[in-house]
Amino acid sequence: MHISLTPELEAIIKEKVTSGLYNNASEVIREALRFMKTNEELINQMKRDHLRSKLAEGERDLVDGQYTELKPEQLSDHFQLIKNRAIDRINR
């Protein structure tokens, strides 16, 4: 396998090897990939936990009667409002 690195990334790898923490560039890359995988798993778990929390909150609101019923003809406007809020969040 052949990979191309920017000079900045190559310098980071050389620095890690020079520091004595790693024996060679392959060890640095393997460690970085393991870290990336672990980081992705943690982020995914955080997203799942957040979603579960929001679902539980929604269930509590339903039980407590804290909701608004929409008629079918109101759905389009409601979804447009949700879309606009999402766009606003992205733009912030």
N, C-alpha and C. Protein backbone atom coordinates (compact mmCIF):
# COMPACT_ATOMS: atom_id res chain seq x y z
N MET A 1 0.85 -1.17 0.00
CA MET A 1 0.00 0.00 0.00
C MET A 1 0.89 1.24 0.00
N HIS A 2 0.46 2.22 -0.76
CA HIS A 2 1.21 3.47 -0.84
C HIS A 2 0.28 4.60 -0.43
N ILE A 3 0.76 5.47 0.44
CA ILE A 3 -0.03 6.64 0.85
C ILE A 3 0.79 7.90 0.65
N SER A 4 0.09 8.98 0.39
CA SER A 4 0.76 10.27 0.25
C SER A 4 0.39 11.12 1.45
N LEU A 5 1.38 11.78 2.01
CA LEU A 5 1.16 12.63 3.18
C LEU A 5 1.61 14.05 2.87
N THR A 6 0.96 14.99 3.52
CA THR A 6 1.42 16.37 3.40
C THR A 6 2.73 16.48 4.18
N PRO A 7 3.52 17.47 3.87
CA PRO A 7 4.77 17.65 4.62
C PRO A 7 4.51 17.81 6.13
N GLU A 8 3.42 18.44 6.49
CA GLU A 8 3.09 18.64 7.90
C GLU A 8 2.85 17.30 8.60
N LEU A 9 2.06 16.42 7.95
CA LEU A 9 1.80 15.11 8.54
C LEU A 9 3.06 14.26 8.61
N GLU A 10 3.86 14.34 7.58
CA GLU A 10 5.12 13.59 7.58
C GLU A 10 6.02 14.06 8.72
N ALA A 11 6.03 15.37 8.97
CA ALA A 11 6.84 15.92 10.06
C ALA A 11 6.34 15.43 11.41
N ILE A 12 5.03 15.34 11.57
CA ILE A 12 4.47 14.83 12.83
C ILE A 12 4.90 13.39 13.06
N ILE A 13 4.83 12.58 12.02
CA ILE A 13 5.24 11.18 12.15
C ILE A 13 6.72 11.07 12.50
N LYS A 14 7.53 11.82 11.81
CA LYS A 14 8.98 11.80 12.11
C LYS A 14 9.25 12.24 13.55
N GLU A 15 8.52 13.25 13.99
CA GLU A 15 8.67 13.75 15.36
C GLU A 15 8.34 12.65 16.38
N LYS A 16 7.27 11.91 16.12
CA LYS A 16 6.88 10.84 17.04
C LYS A 16 7.93 9.74 17.09
N VAL A 17 8.47 9.39 15.94
CA VAL A 17 9.51 8.35 15.91
C VAL A 17 10.77 8.86 16.60
N THR A 18 11.15 10.09 16.33
CA THR A 18 12.34 10.69 16.94
C THR A 18 12.22 10.78 18.46
N SER A 19 10.98 10.98 18.94
CA SER A 19 10.77 11.10 20.38
C SER A 19 11.04 9.79 21.12
N GLY A 20 11.06 8.69 20.36
CA GLY A 20 11.30 7.39 20.98
C GLY A 20 10.02 6.67 21.40
N LEU A 21 8.87 7.34 21.24
CA LEU A 21 7.61 6.70 21.60
C LEU A 21 7.25 5.58 20.64
N TYR A 22 7.73 5.68 19.40
CA TYR A 22 7.45 4.68 18.37
C TYR A 22 8.75 4.30 17.69
N ASN A 23 8.82 3.06 17.23
CA ASN A 23 10.03 2.58 16.57
C ASN A 23 10.11 2.98 15.11
N ASN A 24 8.94 3.16 14.47
CA ASN A 24 8.94 3.50 13.05
C ASN A 24 7.61 4.15 12.67
N ALA A 25 7.56 4.63 11.43
CA ALA A 25 6.37 5.34 10.94
C ALA A 25 5.13 4.42 10.94
N SER A 26 5.31 3.15 10.65
CA SER A 26 4.18 2.23 10.63
C SER A 26 3.49 2.14 11.99
N GLU A 27 4.26 2.14 13.05
CA GLU A 27 3.68 2.10 14.39
C GLU A 27 2.85 3.36 14.66
N VAL A 28 3.35 4.50 14.21
CA VAL A 28 2.63 5.76 14.40
C VAL A 28 1.30 5.70 13.65
N ILE A 29 1.33 5.26 12.42
CA ILE A 29 0.11 5.18 11.60
C ILE A 29 -0.87 4.19 12.21
N ARG A 30 -0.40 3.02 12.64
CA ARG A 30 -1.30 2.03 13.26
C ARG A 30 -1.96 2.60 14.50
N GLU A 31 -1.18 3.28 15.34
CA GLU A 31 -1.73 3.87 16.56
C GLU A 31 -2.76 4.96 16.22
N ALA A 32 -2.46 5.75 15.21
CA ALA A 32 -3.39 6.81 14.80
C ALA A 32 -4.71 6.19 14.30
N LEU A 33 -4.62 5.11 13.55
CA LEU A 33 -5.82 4.45 13.04
C LEU A 33 -6.63 3.82 14.18
N ARG A 34 -5.94 3.23 15.16
CA ARG A 34 -6.65 2.67 16.31
C ARG A 34 -7.37 3.78 17.08
N PHE A 35 -6.68 4.91 17.25
CA PHE A 35 -7.29 6.05 17.93
C PHE A 35 -8.51 6.55 17.15
N MET A 36 -8.39 6.64 15.85
CA MET A 36 -9.49 7.10 15.02
C MET A 36 -10.70 6.17 15.16
N LYS A 37 -10.46 4.87 15.15
CA LYS A 37 -11.55 3.91 15.30
C LYS A 37 -12.22 4.05 16.66
N THR A 38 -11.42 4.15 17.71
CA THR A 38 -11.96 4.31 19.07
C THR A 38 -12.75 5.61 19.17
N ASN A 39 -12.22 6.68 18.60
CA ASN A 39 -12.88 7.97 18.63
C ASN A 39 -14.24 7.89 17.91
N GLU A 40 -14.28 7.26 16.77
CA GLU A 40 -15.54 7.10 16.03
C GLU A 40 -16.55 6.31 16.84
N GLU A 41 -16.08 5.25 17.49
CA GLU A 41 -16.98 4.44 18.30
C GLU A 41 -17.55 5.25 19.46
N LEU A 42 -16.71 6.06 20.10
CA LEU A 42 -17.18 6.90 21.21
C LEU A 42 -18.19 7.94 20.73
N ILE A 43 -17.91 8.55 19.60
CA ILE A 43 -18.84 9.54 19.05
C ILE A 43 -20.17 8.89 18.71
N ASN A 44 -20.13 7.72 18.09
CA ASN A 44 -21.37 7.02 17.76
C ASN A 44 -22.15 6.65 19.01
N GLN A 45 -21.46 6.24 20.06
CA GLN A 45 -22.13 5.90 21.31
C GLN A 45 -22.77 7.15 21.92
N MET A 46 -22.07 8.27 21.86
CA MET A 46 -22.63 9.52 22.38
C MET A 46 -23.88 9.92 21.59
N LYS A 47 -23.84 9.74 20.28
CA LYS A 47 -25.02 10.06 19.45
C LYS A 47 -26.19 9.16 19.81
N ARG A 48 -25.92 7.87 19.99
CA ARG A 48 -27.00 6.93 20.37
C ARG A 48 -27.57 7.29 21.74
N ASP A 49 -26.69 7.63 22.69
CA ASP A 49 -27.15 8.01 24.03
C ASP A 49 -28.01 9.27 23.97
N HIS A 50 -27.60 10.23 23.16
CA HIS A 50 -28.37 11.47 23.01
C HIS A 50 -29.74 11.17 22.40
N LEU A 51 -29.77 10.33 21.38
CA LEU A 51 -31.03 9.97 20.74
C LEU A 51 -31.95 9.25 21.73
N ARG A 52 -31.39 8.32 22.50
CA ARG A 52 -32.20 7.62 23.50
C ARG A 52 -32.77 8.59 24.53
N SER A 53 -31.97 9.56 24.92
CA SER A 53 -32.41 10.56 25.88
C SER A 53 -33.57 11.38 25.30
N LYS A 54 -33.44 11.79 24.04
CA LYS A 54 -34.49 12.57 23.39
C LYS A 54 -35.76 11.74 23.21
N LEU A 55 -35.61 10.45 22.90
CA LEU A 55 -36.78 9.57 22.77
C LEU A 55 -37.49 9.42 24.12
N ALA A 56 -36.72 9.26 25.18
CA ALA A 56 -37.31 9.15 26.51
C ALA A 56 -38.02 10.44 26.88
N GLU A 57 -37.42 11.57 26.53
CA GLU A 57 -38.05 12.87 26.79
C GLU A 57 -39.38 12.97 26.04
N GLY A 58 -39.39 12.54 24.80
CA GLY A 58 -40.62 12.55 24.00
C GLY A 58 -41.69 11.65 24.59
N GLU A 59 -41.29 10.48 25.05
CA GLU A 59 -42.25 9.56 25.68
C GLU A 59 -42.85 10.19 26.94
N ARG A 60 -42.01 10.85 27.73
CA ARG A 60 -42.52 11.52 28.94
C ARG A 60 -43.51 12.62 28.57
N ASP A 61 -43.18 13.38 27.53
CA ASP A 61 -44.08 14.44 27.08
C ASP A 61 -45.43 13.86 26.64
N LEU A 62 -45.40 12.73 25.95
CA LEU A 62 -46.66 12.09 25.53
C LEU A 62 -47.49 11.68 26.74
N VAL A 63 -46.84 11.04 27.70
CA VAL A 63 -47.55 10.59 28.91
C VAL A 63 -48.13 11.79 29.66
N ASP A 64 -47.38 12.89 29.70
CA ASP A 64 -47.81 14.08 30.43
C ASP A 64 -48.76 14.96 29.63
N GLY A 65 -49.04 14.56 28.39
CA GLY A 65 -49.94 15.35 27.55
C GLY A 65 -49.30 16.62 27.02
N GLN A 66 -48.00 16.67 27.00
CA GLN A 66 -47.26 17.85 26.52
C GLN A 66 -46.93 17.71 25.03
N TYR A 67 -47.94 17.81 24.20
CA TYR A 67 -47.72 17.71 22.76
C TYR A 67 -48.85 18.43 22.04
N THR A 68 -48.64 18.67 20.77
CA THR A 68 -49.65 19.30 19.93
C THR A 68 -49.97 18.36 18.78
N GLU A 69 -51.24 18.09 18.60
CA GLU A 69 -51.65 17.25 17.47
C GLU A 69 -51.72 18.11 16.21
N LEU A 70 -51.21 17.57 15.13
CA LEU A 70 -51.26 18.27 13.85
C LEU A 70 -52.19 17.54 12.91
N LYS A 71 -52.93 18.30 12.15
CA LYS A 71 -53.78 17.73 11.10
C LYS A 71 -52.91 17.47 9.88
N PRO A 72 -53.29 16.52 9.05
CA PRO A 72 -52.46 16.19 7.88
C PRO A 72 -52.08 17.42 7.05
N GLU A 73 -52.99 18.38 6.90
CA GLU A 73 -52.68 19.55 6.08
C GLU A 73 -51.68 20.49 6.75
N GLN A 74 -51.41 20.28 8.04
CA GLN A 74 -50.43 21.11 8.76
C GLN A 74 -49.02 20.53 8.70
N LEU A 75 -48.91 19.28 8.29
CA LEU A 75 -47.61 18.60 8.32
C LEU A 75 -46.56 19.26 7.45
N SER A 76 -46.93 19.67 6.25
CA SER A 76 -45.96 20.27 5.34
C SER A 76 -45.33 21.52 5.96
N ASP A 77 -46.15 22.39 6.53
CA ASP A 77 -45.63 23.60 7.17
C ASP A 77 -44.75 23.25 8.38
N HIS A 78 -45.17 22.24 9.13
CA HIS A 78 -44.41 21.83 10.31
C HIS A 78 -43.03 21.29 9.92
N PHE A 79 -42.99 20.46 8.89
CA PHE A 79 -41.71 19.91 8.44
C PHE A 79 -40.82 21.01 7.85
N GLN A 80 -41.43 22.00 7.21
CA GLN A 80 -40.65 23.12 6.68
C GLN A 80 -40.02 23.90 7.84
N LEU A 81 -40.77 24.08 8.92
CA LEU A 81 -40.24 24.76 10.10
C LEU A 81 -39.06 23.99 10.68
N ILE A 82 -39.18 22.68 10.79
CA ILE A 82 -38.08 21.84 11.29
C ILE A 82 -36.85 21.97 10.38
N LYS A 83 -37.09 21.93 9.08
CA LYS A 83 -36.00 22.06 8.12
C LYS A 83 -35.30 23.41 8.27
N ASN A 84 -36.07 24.47 8.41
CA ASN A 84 -35.49 25.81 8.55
C ASN A 84 -34.66 25.92 9.83
N ARG A 85 -35.15 25.32 10.91
CA ARG A 85 -34.39 25.34 12.16
C ARG A 85 -33.06 24.61 12.00
N ALA A 86 -33.09 23.49 11.30
CA ALA A 86 -31.86 22.72 11.08
C ALA A 86 -30.87 23.53 10.24
N ILE A 87 -31.36 24.19 9.22
CA ILE A 87 -30.49 25.02 8.37
C ILE A 87 -29.89 26.15 9.19
N ASP A 88 -30.70 26.77 10.05
CA ASP A 88 -30.19 27.84 10.92
C ASP A 88 -29.08 27.33 11.83
N ARG A 89 -29.26 26.13 12.40
CA ARG A 89 -28.23 25.56 13.27
C ARG A 89 -26.95 25.30 12.52
N ILE A 90 -27.06 24.80 11.31
CA ILE A 90 -25.89 24.49 10.49
C ILE A 90 -25.14 25.78 10.17
N ASN A 91 -25.89 26.83 9.87
CA ASN A 91 -25.27 28.10 9.48
C ASN A 91 -24.64 28.85 10.66
N ARG A 92 -24.98 28.47 11.89
CA ARG A 92 -24.40 29.14 13.05
C ARG A 92 -23.05 28.64 13.37
